[in-house]
Amino acid sequence: RYHCDPASELNQLRGAQPDSAYAGHMQATLARLAECGIALCTMNELLEKLASGREAAAPSASGPRRYLTVTDVVNNPALACAPEAQLTDAAIDFLKNRKKEPYLK
């Protein structure tokens, strides 16, 4: 984290300017990583978190993601149109073939 964080003491000693465009970009990137549950820390900090029982990553607010299979698409074709739909390769191929072959509809 010390190499990535423009406000760190190491980067200040190296001459990094905390108010530069690069520093703003890096701060935004570090914030996005934290939102995803990625923690940049030392090995000692990680071991302390694990030993204390705290979770290293934030729980996902959207819940577990699941891939839709061909059976799911056949039983409920509307599922494939959902914006958060994750299709298996077989389900994607099935939908492509169904568009090409009218008798599969």
N, C-alpha and C. Protein backbone atom coordinates (compact mmCIF):
# COMPACT_ATOMS: atom_id res chain seq x y z
N ARG A 1 0.82 -1.18 0.00
CA ARG A 1 0.00 0.00 0.00
C ARG A 1 0.87 1.26 0.00
N TYR A 2 2.00 1.19 0.63
CA TYR A 2 2.84 2.39 0.71
C TYR A 2 3.31 2.85 -0.66
N HIS A 3 3.52 1.93 -1.58
CA HIS A 3 3.95 2.32 -2.93
C HIS A 3 2.79 2.91 -3.72
N CYS A 4 1.56 2.47 -3.44
CA CYS A 4 0.39 2.93 -4.18
C CYS A 4 -0.20 4.23 -3.64
N ASP A 5 -0.11 4.44 -2.35
CA ASP A 5 -0.76 5.58 -1.71
C ASP A 5 0.11 6.83 -1.83
N PRO A 6 -0.33 7.83 -2.60
CA PRO A 6 0.48 9.03 -2.77
C PRO A 6 0.65 9.83 -1.48
N ALA A 7 -0.22 9.63 -0.51
CA ALA A 7 -0.12 10.35 0.76
C ALA A 7 0.76 9.64 1.77
N SER A 8 1.31 8.49 1.40
CA SER A 8 2.16 7.76 2.34
C SER A 8 3.48 8.49 2.56
N GLU A 9 4.07 8.23 3.69
CA GLU A 9 5.34 8.88 4.02
C GLU A 9 6.42 8.51 3.01
N LEU A 10 6.42 7.27 2.56
CA LEU A 10 7.41 6.82 1.58
C LEU A 10 7.34 7.65 0.30
N ASN A 11 6.14 7.83 -0.23
CA ASN A 11 5.99 8.59 -1.46
C ASN A 11 6.24 10.07 -1.26
N GLN A 12 5.98 10.60 -0.08
CA GLN A 12 6.31 12.00 0.19
C GLN A 12 7.82 12.19 0.21
N LEU A 13 8.54 11.21 0.78
CA LEU A 13 10.00 11.28 0.77
C LEU A 13 10.55 11.17 -0.65
N ARG A 14 9.85 10.43 -1.51
CA ARG A 14 10.28 10.28 -2.89
C ARG A 14 9.90 11.49 -3.75
N GLY A 15 9.14 12.42 -3.18
CA GLY A 15 8.80 13.64 -3.90
C GLY A 15 7.44 13.63 -4.57
N ALA A 16 6.59 12.67 -4.25
CA ALA A 16 5.25 12.63 -4.84
C ALA A 16 4.42 13.80 -4.31
N GLN A 17 3.68 14.42 -5.19
CA GLN A 17 2.82 15.54 -4.82
C GLN A 17 1.42 15.02 -4.50
N PRO A 18 0.94 15.20 -3.26
CA PRO A 18 -0.37 14.65 -2.88
C PRO A 18 -1.54 15.32 -3.58
N ASP A 19 -1.35 16.48 -4.20
CA ASP A 19 -2.45 17.17 -4.86
C ASP A 19 -2.39 17.08 -6.39
N SER A 20 -1.59 16.16 -6.92
CA SER A 20 -1.47 16.01 -8.37
C SER A 20 -2.61 15.16 -8.92
N ALA A 21 -2.77 15.18 -10.24
CA ALA A 21 -3.81 14.37 -10.89
C ALA A 21 -3.56 12.89 -10.66
N TYR A 22 -2.29 12.48 -10.70
CA TYR A 22 -1.95 11.08 -10.46
C TYR A 22 -2.36 10.66 -9.05
N ALA A 23 -2.13 11.52 -8.07
CA ALA A 23 -2.49 11.21 -6.69
C ALA A 23 -4.00 11.05 -6.56
N GLY A 24 -4.76 11.90 -7.22
CA GLY A 24 -6.22 11.77 -7.20
C GLY A 24 -6.68 10.48 -7.83
N HIS A 25 -6.05 10.12 -8.94
CA HIS A 25 -6.39 8.86 -9.61
C HIS A 25 -6.09 7.66 -8.71
N MET A 26 -4.94 7.69 -8.06
CA MET A 26 -4.57 6.58 -7.17
C MET A 26 -5.50 6.50 -5.96
N GLN A 27 -5.89 7.64 -5.40
CA GLN A 27 -6.81 7.64 -4.26
C GLN A 27 -8.16 7.06 -4.68
N ALA A 28 -8.64 7.41 -5.87
CA ALA A 28 -9.90 6.87 -6.36
C ALA A 28 -9.80 5.37 -6.59
N THR A 29 -8.67 4.92 -7.12
CA THR A 29 -8.47 3.49 -7.34
C THR A 29 -8.43 2.74 -6.02
N LEU A 30 -7.73 3.29 -5.03
CA LEU A 30 -7.68 2.65 -3.71
C LEU A 30 -9.06 2.60 -3.07
N ALA A 31 -9.87 3.64 -3.26
CA ALA A 31 -11.23 3.64 -2.71
C ALA A 31 -12.09 2.58 -3.38
N ARG A 32 -11.95 2.43 -4.72
CA ARG A 32 -12.71 1.40 -5.43
C ARG A 32 -12.30 0.01 -4.97
N LEU A 33 -11.01 -0.20 -4.76
CA LEU A 33 -10.55 -1.50 -4.26
C LEU A 33 -11.13 -1.79 -2.89
N ALA A 34 -11.17 -0.79 -2.03
CA ALA A 34 -11.73 -0.98 -0.69
C ALA A 34 -13.22 -1.32 -0.77
N GLU A 35 -13.95 -0.69 -1.70
CA GLU A 35 -15.37 -1.00 -1.89
C GLU A 35 -15.57 -2.43 -2.33
N CYS A 36 -14.64 -2.97 -3.10
CA CYS A 36 -14.72 -4.36 -3.56
C CYS A 36 -14.31 -5.35 -2.49
N GLY A 37 -13.79 -4.85 -1.38
CA GLY A 37 -13.37 -5.74 -0.31
C GLY A 37 -11.91 -6.12 -0.36
N ILE A 38 -11.16 -5.45 -1.20
CA ILE A 38 -9.73 -5.74 -1.32
C ILE A 38 -8.98 -4.85 -0.34
N ALA A 39 -8.24 -5.48 0.54
CA ALA A 39 -7.49 -4.74 1.55
C ALA A 39 -6.01 -4.81 1.23
N LEU A 40 -5.39 -3.65 1.06
CA LEU A 40 -3.95 -3.58 0.86
C LEU A 40 -3.33 -3.29 2.21
N CYS A 41 -2.63 -4.26 2.74
CA CYS A 41 -2.04 -4.09 4.07
C CYS A 41 -0.78 -4.94 4.16
N THR A 42 -0.09 -4.79 5.28
CA THR A 42 1.11 -5.60 5.49
C THR A 42 0.70 -7.00 5.92
N MET A 43 1.64 -7.92 5.86
CA MET A 43 1.36 -9.29 6.28
C MET A 43 0.99 -9.32 7.76
N ASN A 44 1.65 -8.50 8.57
CA ASN A 44 1.34 -8.46 10.00
C ASN A 44 -0.09 -7.97 10.24
N GLU A 45 -0.52 -6.95 9.50
CA GLU A 45 -1.90 -6.46 9.64
C GLU A 45 -2.90 -7.53 9.22
N LEU A 46 -2.60 -8.25 8.16
CA LEU A 46 -3.47 -9.31 7.70
C LEU A 46 -3.57 -10.42 8.74
N LEU A 47 -2.45 -10.82 9.31
CA LEU A 47 -2.46 -11.86 10.34
C LEU A 47 -3.23 -11.41 11.58
N GLU A 48 -3.12 -10.13 11.94
CA GLU A 48 -3.89 -9.61 13.08
C GLU A 48 -5.39 -9.69 12.80
N LYS A 49 -5.79 -9.33 11.58
CA LYS A 49 -7.21 -9.39 11.23
C LYS A 49 -7.72 -10.82 11.28
N LEU A 50 -6.93 -11.75 10.77
CA LEU A 50 -7.34 -13.15 10.78
C LEU A 50 -7.38 -13.71 12.19
N ALA A 51 -6.42 -13.33 13.02
CA ALA A 51 -6.37 -13.83 14.39
C ALA A 51 -7.51 -13.28 15.24
N SER A 52 -7.92 -12.06 14.97
CA SER A 52 -8.99 -11.46 15.77
C SER A 52 -10.38 -11.90 15.31
N GLY A 53 -10.46 -12.62 14.20
CA GLY A 53 -11.74 -13.14 13.73
C GLY A 53 -12.51 -12.19 12.84
N ARG A 54 -11.96 -11.02 12.58
CA ARG A 54 -12.64 -10.09 11.68
C ARG A 54 -12.49 -10.58 10.25
N GLU A 55 -13.47 -10.27 9.46
CA GLU A 55 -13.41 -10.66 8.05
C GLU A 55 -12.44 -9.75 7.31
N ALA A 56 -11.62 -10.33 6.46
CA ALA A 56 -10.67 -9.55 5.67
C ALA A 56 -11.37 -8.81 4.54
N ALA A 57 -12.47 -9.37 4.04
CA ALA A 57 -13.18 -8.75 2.93
C ALA A 57 -14.60 -8.41 3.36
N ALA A 58 -15.13 -7.34 2.78
CA ALA A 58 -16.49 -6.94 3.08
C ALA A 58 -17.46 -7.91 2.41
N PRO A 59 -18.56 -8.25 3.05
CA PRO A 59 -19.53 -9.15 2.43
C PRO A 59 -20.20 -8.49 1.24
N SER A 60 -20.50 -9.27 0.26
CA SER A 60 -21.13 -8.76 -0.96
C SER A 60 -22.58 -8.40 -0.69
N ALA A 61 -22.98 -7.20 -1.08
CA ALA A 61 -24.34 -6.75 -0.84
C ALA A 61 -25.32 -7.41 -1.81
N SER A 62 -24.85 -7.85 -2.96
CA SER A 62 -25.73 -8.42 -3.96
C SER A 62 -26.05 -9.89 -3.73
N GLY A 63 -25.37 -10.52 -2.81
CA GLY A 63 -25.60 -11.94 -2.55
C GLY A 63 -24.77 -12.79 -3.48
N PRO A 64 -24.87 -14.10 -3.34
CA PRO A 64 -24.05 -14.98 -4.18
C PRO A 64 -24.51 -14.93 -5.64
N ARG A 65 -23.54 -14.92 -6.55
CA ARG A 65 -23.87 -14.91 -7.97
C ARG A 65 -23.98 -16.34 -8.45
N ARG A 66 -24.89 -16.56 -9.38
CA ARG A 66 -25.15 -17.90 -9.87
C ARG A 66 -25.26 -17.83 -11.39
N TYR A 67 -24.68 -18.82 -12.04
CA TYR A 67 -24.78 -18.91 -13.49
C TYR A 67 -26.09 -19.59 -13.87
N LEU A 68 -26.71 -19.09 -14.95
CA LEU A 68 -27.93 -19.69 -15.46
C LEU A 68 -27.56 -20.79 -16.45
N THR A 69 -28.16 -21.94 -16.28
CA THR A 69 -27.90 -23.07 -17.15
C THR A 69 -28.93 -23.12 -18.27
N VAL A 70 -28.76 -24.06 -19.19
CA VAL A 70 -29.72 -24.24 -20.28
C VAL A 70 -31.09 -24.57 -19.72
N THR A 71 -31.15 -25.40 -18.69
CA THR A 71 -32.43 -25.77 -18.07
C THR A 71 -33.13 -24.54 -17.52
N ASP A 72 -32.38 -23.65 -16.87
CA ASP A 72 -32.98 -22.42 -16.34
C ASP A 72 -33.56 -21.57 -17.46
N VAL A 73 -32.84 -21.46 -18.57
CA VAL A 73 -33.29 -20.64 -19.70
C VAL A 73 -34.50 -21.28 -20.37
N VAL A 74 -34.53 -22.60 -20.49
CA VAL A 74 -35.67 -23.29 -21.10
C VAL A 74 -36.91 -23.11 -20.23
N ASN A 75 -36.74 -23.27 -18.92
CA ASN A 75 -37.88 -23.16 -18.00
C ASN A 75 -38.39 -21.73 -17.86
N ASN A 76 -37.51 -20.75 -17.91
CA ASN A 76 -37.92 -19.35 -17.76
C ASN A 76 -37.02 -18.48 -18.64
N PRO A 77 -37.39 -18.28 -19.91
CA PRO A 77 -36.55 -17.50 -20.83
C PRO A 77 -36.34 -16.05 -20.40
N ALA A 78 -37.23 -15.52 -19.57
CA ALA A 78 -37.09 -14.13 -19.13
C ALA A 78 -35.85 -13.93 -18.26
N LEU A 79 -35.38 -14.98 -17.62
CA LEU A 79 -34.19 -14.87 -16.77
C LEU A 79 -32.97 -14.43 -17.58
N ALA A 80 -32.89 -14.85 -18.83
CA ALA A 80 -31.74 -14.52 -19.67
C ALA A 80 -31.70 -13.04 -20.02
N CYS A 81 -32.83 -12.36 -19.93
CA CYS A 81 -32.89 -10.94 -20.28
C CYS A 81 -32.54 -10.03 -19.11
N ALA A 82 -32.42 -10.58 -17.91
CA ALA A 82 -32.12 -9.76 -16.73
C ALA A 82 -30.72 -9.18 -16.87
N PRO A 83 -30.51 -7.93 -16.43
CA PRO A 83 -29.19 -7.30 -16.59
C PRO A 83 -28.09 -7.99 -15.78
N GLU A 84 -28.44 -8.62 -14.66
CA GLU A 84 -27.43 -9.28 -13.84
C GLU A 84 -27.26 -10.76 -14.19
N ALA A 85 -27.87 -11.20 -15.28
CA ALA A 85 -27.82 -12.62 -15.67
C ALA A 85 -26.41 -13.02 -16.09
N GLN A 86 -25.95 -14.11 -15.54
CA GLN A 86 -24.67 -14.71 -15.92
C GLN A 86 -25.00 -16.08 -16.52
N LEU A 87 -24.72 -16.25 -17.79
CA LEU A 87 -25.07 -17.48 -18.49
C LEU A 87 -23.86 -18.38 -18.65
N THR A 88 -24.10 -19.69 -18.59
CA THR A 88 -23.03 -20.63 -18.91
C THR A 88 -22.80 -20.60 -20.41
N ASP A 89 -21.67 -21.13 -20.85
CA ASP A 89 -21.37 -21.17 -22.29
C ASP A 89 -22.45 -21.95 -23.04
N ALA A 90 -22.92 -23.04 -22.45
CA ALA A 90 -23.95 -23.85 -23.09
C ALA A 90 -25.25 -23.06 -23.23
N ALA A 91 -25.60 -22.27 -22.22
CA ALA A 91 -26.82 -21.47 -22.30
C ALA A 91 -26.70 -20.39 -23.37
N ILE A 92 -25.53 -19.79 -23.48
CA ILE A 92 -25.31 -18.78 -24.53
C ILE A 92 -25.43 -19.42 -25.91
N ASP A 93 -24.83 -20.59 -26.10
CA ASP A 93 -24.93 -21.30 -27.38
C ASP A 93 -26.38 -21.67 -27.68
N PHE A 94 -27.11 -22.12 -26.66
CA PHE A 94 -28.51 -22.48 -26.84
C PHE A 94 -29.32 -21.28 -27.33
N LEU A 95 -29.10 -20.11 -26.71
CA LEU A 95 -29.84 -18.92 -27.12
C LEU A 95 -29.47 -18.49 -28.54
N LYS A 96 -28.19 -18.60 -28.90
CA LYS A 96 -27.77 -18.25 -30.26
C LYS A 96 -28.42 -19.18 -31.28
N ASN A 97 -28.44 -20.48 -30.99
CA ASN A 97 -29.04 -21.45 -31.91
C ASN A 97 -30.55 -21.27 -31.99
N ARG A 98 -31.16 -20.89 -30.88
CA ARG A 98 -32.60 -20.69 -30.87
C ARG A 98 -32.98 -19.50 -31.76
N LYS A 99 -32.12 -18.49 -31.83
CA LYS A 99 -32.39 -17.35 -32.71
C LYS A 99 -32.24 -17.75 -34.17
N LYS A 100 -31.28 -18.65 -34.46
CA LYS A 100 -31.02 -19.07 -35.84
C LYS A 100 -32.08 -20.05 -36.33
N GLU A 101 -32.52 -20.95 -35.46
CA GLU A 101 -33.45 -22.01 -35.86
C GLU A 101 -34.84 -21.71 -35.32
N PRO A 102 -35.79 -21.33 -36.17
CA PRO A 102 -37.12 -20.95 -35.69
C PRO A 102 -37.89 -22.10 -35.04
N TYR A 103 -37.59 -23.34 -35.38
CA TYR A 103 -38.33 -24.46 -34.81
C TYR A 103 -37.95 -24.73 -33.35
N LEU A 104 -36.89 -24.11 -32.84
CA LEU A 104 -36.51 -24.29 -31.45
C LEU A 104 -37.26 -23.34 -30.51
N LYS A 105 -37.98 -22.38 -31.07
CA LYS A 105 -38.68 -21.39 -30.24
C LYS A 105 -39.86 -21.99 -29.53
